[in-house]
């Protein structure tokens, strides 16, 4: 398994794998924690990733991808706020691990690689949110992230059920 930072010129090669990753993760979920409701169509996933590649090209985010051979197994992104008083901060988004690659420590590896990449780029304070009582919540706690609070009803599932978001930060300095 290798983890690499994606460059814009990698878009054509990686796009099918990223689409498959997002569709598989959303369609394997309850549809409350990954932005989209299942079933997620490939066209909508493609549009999402093309927007992210545009933001990478503008320097607004980084994307790390984990691959086993040529298959995309996981990804995670860091978005930059783009304001004068927060050049040291980033928002972690979309930690995704394909269902076929779960329970192998890939989520931890992606987060560790993201923290190292962020620190190398001068980003010392990272923040994220996740669904309360989801698997990711315990992952972030194990990785030393500090829980700062929660907001009930922050997300809503396709069945109309509200979900609580938990917010974390990590100071890398």
C-alpha atoms as a PDB file:
ATOM      1  CA  UNK A   1       0.000   0.000   0.000  1.00  0.00           C
ATOM      2  CA  UNK A   2       1.382   3.409  -0.908  1.00  0.00           C
ATOM      3  CA  UNK A   3       0.072   6.817   0.066  1.00  0.00           C
ATOM      4  CA  UNK A   4       0.811   9.759  -2.192  1.00  0.00           C
ATOM      5  CA  UNK A   5      -0.142  13.399  -2.526  1.00  0.00           C
ATOM      6  CA  UNK A   6      -2.190  13.898  -5.666  1.00  0.00           C
ATOM      7  CA  UNK A   7      -1.136  16.374  -8.312  1.00  0.00           C
ATOM      8  CA  UNK A   8      -3.593  17.880 -10.788  1.00  0.00           C
ATOM      9  CA  UNK A   9      -1.906  16.009 -13.630  1.00  0.00           C
ATOM     10  CA  UNK A  10      -2.869  12.746 -11.851  1.00  0.00           C
ATOM     11  CA  UNK A  11      -6.590  13.517 -12.256  1.00  0.00           C
ATOM     12  CA  UNK A  12      -7.196  11.532 -15.426  1.00  0.00           C
ATOM     13  CA  UNK A  13      -5.473   8.440 -14.040  1.00  0.00           C
ATOM     14  CA  UNK A  14      -7.040   8.607 -10.564  1.00  0.00           C
ATOM     15  CA  UNK A  15     -10.548   9.819 -11.354  1.00  0.00           C
ATOM     16  CA  UNK A  16     -12.135   6.383 -12.017  1.00  0.00           C
ATOM     17  CA  UNK A  17     -10.672   4.980  -8.794  1.00  0.00           C
ATOM     18  CA  UNK A  18     -11.747   7.990  -6.747  1.00  0.00           C
ATOM     19  CA  UNK A  19     -15.261   7.782  -8.170  1.00  0.00           C
ATOM     20  CA  UNK A  20     -15.413   4.090  -7.275  1.00  0.00           C
ATOM     21  CA  UNK A  21     -14.107   4.847  -3.774  1.00  0.00           C
ATOM     22  CA  UNK A  22     -16.694   7.539  -3.064  1.00  0.00           C
ATOM     23  CA  UNK A  23     -19.598   5.582  -4.559  1.00  0.00           C
ATOM     24  CA  UNK A  24     -18.623   2.448  -2.610  1.00  0.00           C
ATOM     25  CA  UNK A  25     -18.244   4.318   0.694  1.00  0.00           C
ATOM     26  CA  UNK A  26     -21.518   6.238   0.343  1.00  0.00           C
ATOM     27  CA  UNK A  27     -23.492   3.241  -0.841  1.00  0.00           C
ATOM     28  CA  UNK A  28     -22.024   1.124   2.004  1.00  0.00           C
ATOM     29  CA  UNK A  29     -23.102   3.703   4.612  1.00  0.00           C
ATOM     30  CA  UNK A  30     -26.366   4.774   6.174  1.00  0.00           C
ATOM     31  CA  UNK A  31     -26.079   7.929   4.108  1.00  0.00           C
ATOM     32  CA  UNK A  32     -25.682  10.311   6.991  1.00  0.00           C
ATOM     33  CA  UNK A  33     -21.941  10.775   7.422  1.00  0.00           C
ATOM     34  CA  UNK A  34     -20.376  11.186   3.966  1.00  0.00           C
ATOM     35  CA  UNK A  35     -22.232  14.233   2.592  1.00  0.00           C
ATOM     36  CA  UNK A  36     -24.204  12.262  -0.006  1.00  0.00           C
ATOM     37  CA  UNK A  37     -27.210   9.986   0.323  1.00  0.00           C
ATOM     38  CA  UNK A  38     -27.121   6.493  -1.170  1.00  0.00           C
ATOM     39  CA  UNK A  39     -27.434   5.450  -3.843  1.00  0.00           C
ATOM     40  CA  UNK A  40     -24.754   7.791  -5.182  1.00  0.00           C
ATOM     41  CA  UNK A  41     -24.564   7.912  -8.975  1.00  0.00           C
ATOM     42  CA  UNK A  42     -21.143   7.869 -10.627  1.00  0.00           C
ATOM     43  CA  UNK A  43     -21.870  11.122 -12.486  1.00  0.00           C
ATOM     44  CA  UNK A  44     -22.433  12.981  -9.240  1.00  0.00           C
ATOM     45  CA  UNK A  45     -19.263  11.468  -7.749  1.00  0.00           C
ATOM     46  CA  UNK A  46     -17.317  12.495 -10.857  1.00  0.00           C
ATOM     47  CA  UNK A  47     -18.551  16.084 -10.559  1.00  0.00           C
ATOM     48  CA  UNK A  48     -17.506  16.121  -6.886  1.00  0.00           C
ATOM     49  CA  UNK A  49     -13.960  14.952  -7.631  1.00  0.00           C
ATOM     50  CA  UNK A  50     -13.548  17.318 -10.573  1.00  0.00           C
ATOM     51  CA  UNK A  51     -14.423  20.206  -8.235  1.00  0.00           C
ATOM     52  CA  UNK A  52     -11.812  18.967  -5.770  1.00  0.00           C
ATOM     53  CA  UNK A  53      -9.155  18.762  -8.500  1.00  0.00           C
ATOM     54  CA  UNK A  54      -9.962  22.365  -9.414  1.00  0.00           C
ATOM     55  CA  UNK A  55      -9.386  23.372  -5.785  1.00  0.00           C
ATOM     56  CA  UNK A  56      -6.097  21.443  -5.714  1.00  0.00           C
ATOM     57  CA  UNK A  57      -4.982  23.355  -8.813  1.00  0.00           C
ATOM     58  CA  UNK A  58      -5.787  26.639  -7.017  1.00  0.00           C
ATOM     59  CA  UNK A  59      -3.823  25.606  -3.916  1.00  0.00           C
ATOM     60  CA  UNK A  60      -6.971  25.465  -1.771  1.00  0.00           C
ATOM     61  CA  UNK A  61      -6.598  21.832  -0.729  1.00  0.00           C
ATOM     62  CA  UNK A  62      -4.427  18.756  -0.796  1.00  0.00           C
ATOM     63  CA  UNK A  63      -5.571  15.210  -1.466  1.00  0.00           C
ATOM     64  CA  UNK A  64      -3.770  12.078  -0.339  1.00  0.00           C
ATOM     65  CA  UNK A  65      -4.624   8.770  -1.970  1.00  0.00           C
ATOM     66  CA  UNK A  66      -3.762   5.260  -0.812  1.00  0.00           C
ATOM     67  CA  UNK A  67      -3.309   2.706  -3.567  1.00  0.00           C
ATOM     68  CA  UNK A  68      -2.691  -0.996  -3.602  1.00  0.00           C
ATOM     69  CA  UNK A  69      -1.196  -1.768  -6.968  1.00  0.00           C
ATOM     70  CA  UNK A  70      -3.338   0.477  -9.201  1.00  0.00           C
ATOM     71  CA  UNK A  71      -6.507   0.330  -7.108  1.00  0.00           C
ATOM     72  CA  UNK A  72      -7.576   3.346  -5.029  1.00  0.00           C
ATOM     73  CA  UNK A  73      -8.071   2.018  -1.501  1.00  0.00           C
ATOM     74  CA  UNK A  74      -8.588   5.257   0.407  1.00  0.00           C
ATOM     75  CA  UNK A  75      -8.230   9.010   0.509  1.00  0.00           C
ATOM     76  CA  UNK A  76      -8.234  12.032   2.779  1.00  0.00           C
ATOM     77  CA  UNK A  77      -8.168  15.772   2.090  1.00  0.00           C
ATOM     78  CA  UNK A  78      -7.022  18.921   3.823  1.00  0.00           C
ATOM     79  CA  UNK A  79      -8.737  22.177   2.914  1.00  0.00           C
ATOM     80  CA  UNK A  80      -7.116  25.534   3.645  1.00  0.00           C
ATOM     81  CA  UNK A  81      -9.340  28.319   5.014  1.00  0.00           C
ATOM     82  CA  UNK A  82      -7.758  30.936   2.752  1.00  0.00           C
ATOM     83  CA  UNK A  83      -7.971  33.813   5.225  1.00  0.00           C
ATOM     84  CA  UNK A  84      -5.127  36.037   6.396  1.00  0.00           C
ATOM     85  CA  UNK A  85      -5.235  35.117  10.066  1.00  0.00           C
ATOM     86  CA  UNK A  86      -5.277  31.321   9.568  1.00  0.00           C
ATOM     87  CA  UNK A  87      -2.299  30.418   7.363  1.00  0.00           C
ATOM     88  CA  UNK A  88      -1.354  27.748   9.899  1.00  0.00           C
ATOM     89  CA  UNK A  89      -4.697  25.885   9.887  1.00  0.00           C
ATOM     90  CA  UNK A  90      -6.410  23.217   7.818  1.00  0.00           C
ATOM     91  CA  UNK A  91      -9.734  21.362   7.804  1.00  0.00           C
ATOM     92  CA  UNK A  92      -9.583  17.588   7.396  1.00  0.00           C
ATOM     93  CA  UNK A  93     -12.238  16.255   5.041  1.00  0.00           C
ATOM     94  CA  UNK A  94     -13.441  12.989   3.571  1.00  0.00           C
ATOM     95  CA  UNK A  95     -11.355  10.292   5.178  1.00  0.00           C
ATOM     96  CA  UNK A  96     -12.563   7.429   2.982  1.00  0.00           C
ATOM     97  CA  UNK A  97     -11.509   3.784   3.065  1.00  0.00           C
ATOM     98  CA  UNK A  98     -12.991   1.466   0.461  1.00  0.00           C
ATOM     99  CA  UNK A  99     -15.028  -1.323   2.112  1.00  0.00           C
ATOM    100  CA  UNK A 100     -12.663  -3.935   0.597  1.00  0.00           C
ATOM    101  CA  UNK A 101      -9.697  -2.402   2.476  1.00  0.00           C
ATOM    102  CA  UNK A 102     -11.162  -1.760   5.920  1.00  0.00           C
ATOM    103  CA  UNK A 103      -9.791  -3.188   9.166  1.00  0.00           C
ATOM    104  CA  UNK A 104      -6.177  -2.976   7.924  1.00  0.00           C
ATOM    105  CA  UNK A 105      -5.132   0.263   9.610  1.00  0.00           C
ATOM    106  CA  UNK A 106      -5.476   2.293   6.430  1.00  0.00           C
ATOM    107  CA  UNK A 107      -7.505   5.066   8.073  1.00  0.00           C
ATOM    108  CA  UNK A 108      -4.751   5.531  10.659  1.00  0.00           C
ATOM    109  CA  UNK A 109      -2.075   5.494   7.973  1.00  0.00           C
ATOM    110  CA  UNK A 110      -3.902   8.095   5.895  1.00  0.00           C
ATOM    111  CA  UNK A 111      -4.381  10.379   8.893  1.00  0.00           C
ATOM    112  CA  UNK A 112      -0.730  10.044   9.934  1.00  0.00           C
ATOM    113  CA  UNK A 113       0.388  10.851   6.382  1.00  0.00           C
ATOM    114  CA  UNK A 114      -1.983  13.832   6.290  1.00  0.00           C
ATOM    115  CA  UNK A 115      -0.630  15.174   9.570  1.00  0.00           C
ATOM    116  CA  UNK A 116       2.958  14.836   8.286  1.00  0.00           C
ATOM    117  CA  UNK A 117       2.062  16.564   5.004  1.00  0.00           C
ATOM    118  CA  UNK A 118       0.230  19.348   6.830  1.00  0.00           C
ATOM    119  CA  UNK A 119       3.137  19.949   9.196  1.00  0.00           C
ATOM    120  CA  UNK A 120       5.624  20.006   6.319  1.00  0.00           C
ATOM    121  CA  UNK A 121       3.454  22.702   4.722  1.00  0.00           C
ATOM    122  CA  UNK A 122       3.335  24.834   7.876  1.00  0.00           C
ATOM    123  CA  UNK A 123      -0.176  23.759   8.910  1.00  0.00           C
ATOM    124  CA  UNK A 124       0.029  23.185  12.657  1.00  0.00           C
ATOM    125  CA  UNK A 125      -3.622  23.279  13.739  1.00  0.00           C
ATOM    126  CA  UNK A 126      -6.056  20.871  12.110  1.00  0.00           C
ATOM    127  CA  UNK A 127      -9.800  20.525  12.682  1.00  0.00           C
ATOM    128  CA  UNK A 128     -12.460  18.035  11.615  1.00  0.00           C
ATOM    129  CA  UNK A 129     -15.955  16.838  12.337  1.00  0.00           C
ATOM    130  CA  UNK A 130     -17.454  13.386  12.223  1.00  0.00           C
ATOM    131  CA  UNK A 131     -20.649  11.570  13.099  1.00  0.00           C
ATOM    132  CA  UNK A 132     -21.072  10.895  16.819  1.00  0.00           C
ATOM    133  CA  UNK A 133     -20.689   7.225  17.761  1.00  0.00           C
ATOM    134  CA  UNK A 134     -19.386   6.353  14.299  1.00  0.00           C
ATOM    135  CA  UNK A 135     -16.223   4.353  13.718  1.00  0.00           C
ATOM    136  CA  UNK A 136     -14.268   7.477  12.798  1.00  0.00           C
ATOM    137  CA  UNK A 137     -14.905   9.072  16.193  1.00  0.00           C
ATOM    138  CA  UNK A 138     -12.983   6.352  18.004  1.00  0.00           C
ATOM    139  CA  UNK A 139     -10.232   6.430  15.343  1.00  0.00           C
ATOM    140  CA  UNK A 140      -9.587  10.140  15.886  1.00  0.00           C
ATOM    141  CA  UNK A 141      -9.540   9.674  19.656  1.00  0.00           C
ATOM    142  CA  UNK A 142      -6.984   6.835  19.324  1.00  0.00           C
ATOM    143  CA  UNK A 143      -4.835   9.074  17.108  1.00  0.00           C
ATOM    144  CA  UNK A 144      -4.653  11.784  19.778  1.00  0.00           C
ATOM    145  CA  UNK A 145      -7.211  14.241  18.421  1.00  0.00           C
ATOM    146  CA  UNK A 146      -8.920  16.422  21.042  1.00  0.00           C
ATOM    147  CA  UNK A 147     -12.699  16.346  21.157  1.00  0.00           C
ATOM    148  CA  UNK A 148     -14.056  19.871  21.584  1.00  0.00           C
ATOM    149  CA  UNK A 149     -17.802  19.426  21.400  1.00  0.00           C
ATOM    150  CA  UNK A 150     -20.803  18.330  19.456  1.00  0.00           C
ATOM    151  CA  UNK A 151     -23.780  19.781  17.648  1.00  0.00           C
ATOM    152  CA  UNK A 152     -27.012  17.759  17.687  1.00  0.00           C
ATOM    153  CA  UNK A 153     -28.948  17.761  14.425  1.00  0.00           C
ATOM    154  CA  UNK A 154     -25.913  18.898  12.427  1.00  0.00           C
ATOM    155  CA  UNK A 155     -26.543  16.322   9.697  1.00  0.00           C
ATOM    156  CA  UNK A 156     -29.665  14.594   8.460  1.00  0.00           C
ATOM    157  CA  UNK A 157     -29.978  11.130   6.971  1.00  0.00           C
ATOM    158  CA  UNK A 158     -32.080  10.173   3.960  1.00  0.00           C
ATOM    159  CA  UNK A 159     -34.729   8.862   6.340  1.00  0.00           C
ATOM    160  CA  UNK A 160     -35.028  12.310   7.960  1.00  0.00           C
ATOM    161  CA  UNK A 161     -33.231  11.166  11.107  1.00  0.00           C
ATOM    162  CA  UNK A 162     -30.895  13.783  12.600  1.00  0.00           C
ATOM    163  CA  UNK A 163     -27.306  12.978  13.451  1.00  0.00           C
ATOM    164  CA  UNK A 164     -24.969  14.630  15.902  1.00  0.00           C
ATOM    165  CA  UNK A 165     -21.588  15.872  14.704  1.00  0.00           C
ATOM    166  CA  UNK A 166     -18.543  15.713  16.949  1.00  0.00           C
ATOM    167  CA  UNK A 167     -15.743  18.245  16.436  1.00  0.00           C
ATOM    168  CA  UNK A 168     -12.043  17.571  16.955  1.00  0.00           C
ATOM    169  CA  UNK A 169      -8.771  19.428  16.608  1.00  0.00           C
ATOM    170  CA  UNK A 170      -5.110  18.525  16.756  1.00  0.00           C
ATOM    171  CA  UNK A 171      -2.199  20.841  17.369  1.00  0.00           C
ATOM    172  CA  UNK A 172       0.810  19.470  15.481  1.00  0.00           C
ATOM    173  CA  UNK A 173       3.293  22.087  16.768  1.00  0.00           C
END
